[in-house]
Amino acid sequence: MQRQPESTVSEVTVRREGPLEAITHFIHKHFLLILVGTYALSAVLPRFGLALRQIHFGKVTWPDGSQTSLSLSFLMLAFLLFNAGLAIKVEELTALWKRPAVVIAGFAANTLVPIVLILSLRGLMQLWYDWDELQNRWRSGIGGN
């Protein structure tokens, strides 16, 4: 008995995408290339990024009297974190209450790793043969005269 080749009929679903969905899909598909290109562009044209740092939209005064400057960088970071927060699934967030050790371990790692790194670098820098040279080099920038 010979086996008949299987024939499958695939249904193609055509979705109409608006311009925002098309742009989002393009960025999602080529994100790494866009990121590397952005870093390369900033290495060649650093003044553009420096000019963006100077854009401010005013200040917010808090009830305790302190002020926060609303810069473009600040608002872009706020937007990024807001979008990341929207992507969190409620089920995953509530599941963290069942396993608090994961939250505690993450908090401890994010707190202790930078402290250990700084103390390790401090210990390594004390091995430098000329402490005055090390201090002056760090004040004037790495490799500065």
Foldseek 3Di string as FASTA:
>chain_A
DDDDDDDDDDDDDDDDDDPVVVVVVVCVVCVVVVVVVVVVVCVVPVVVVVVQQPAWDAWDADPVGDIDTHGPVNVVVVVVVVVVVVPDDPVVVVVCVVPVVVVVVVVCCVPVVVVVVVVVVVVVLVVDPDVVVVVVCVVQDPPDD
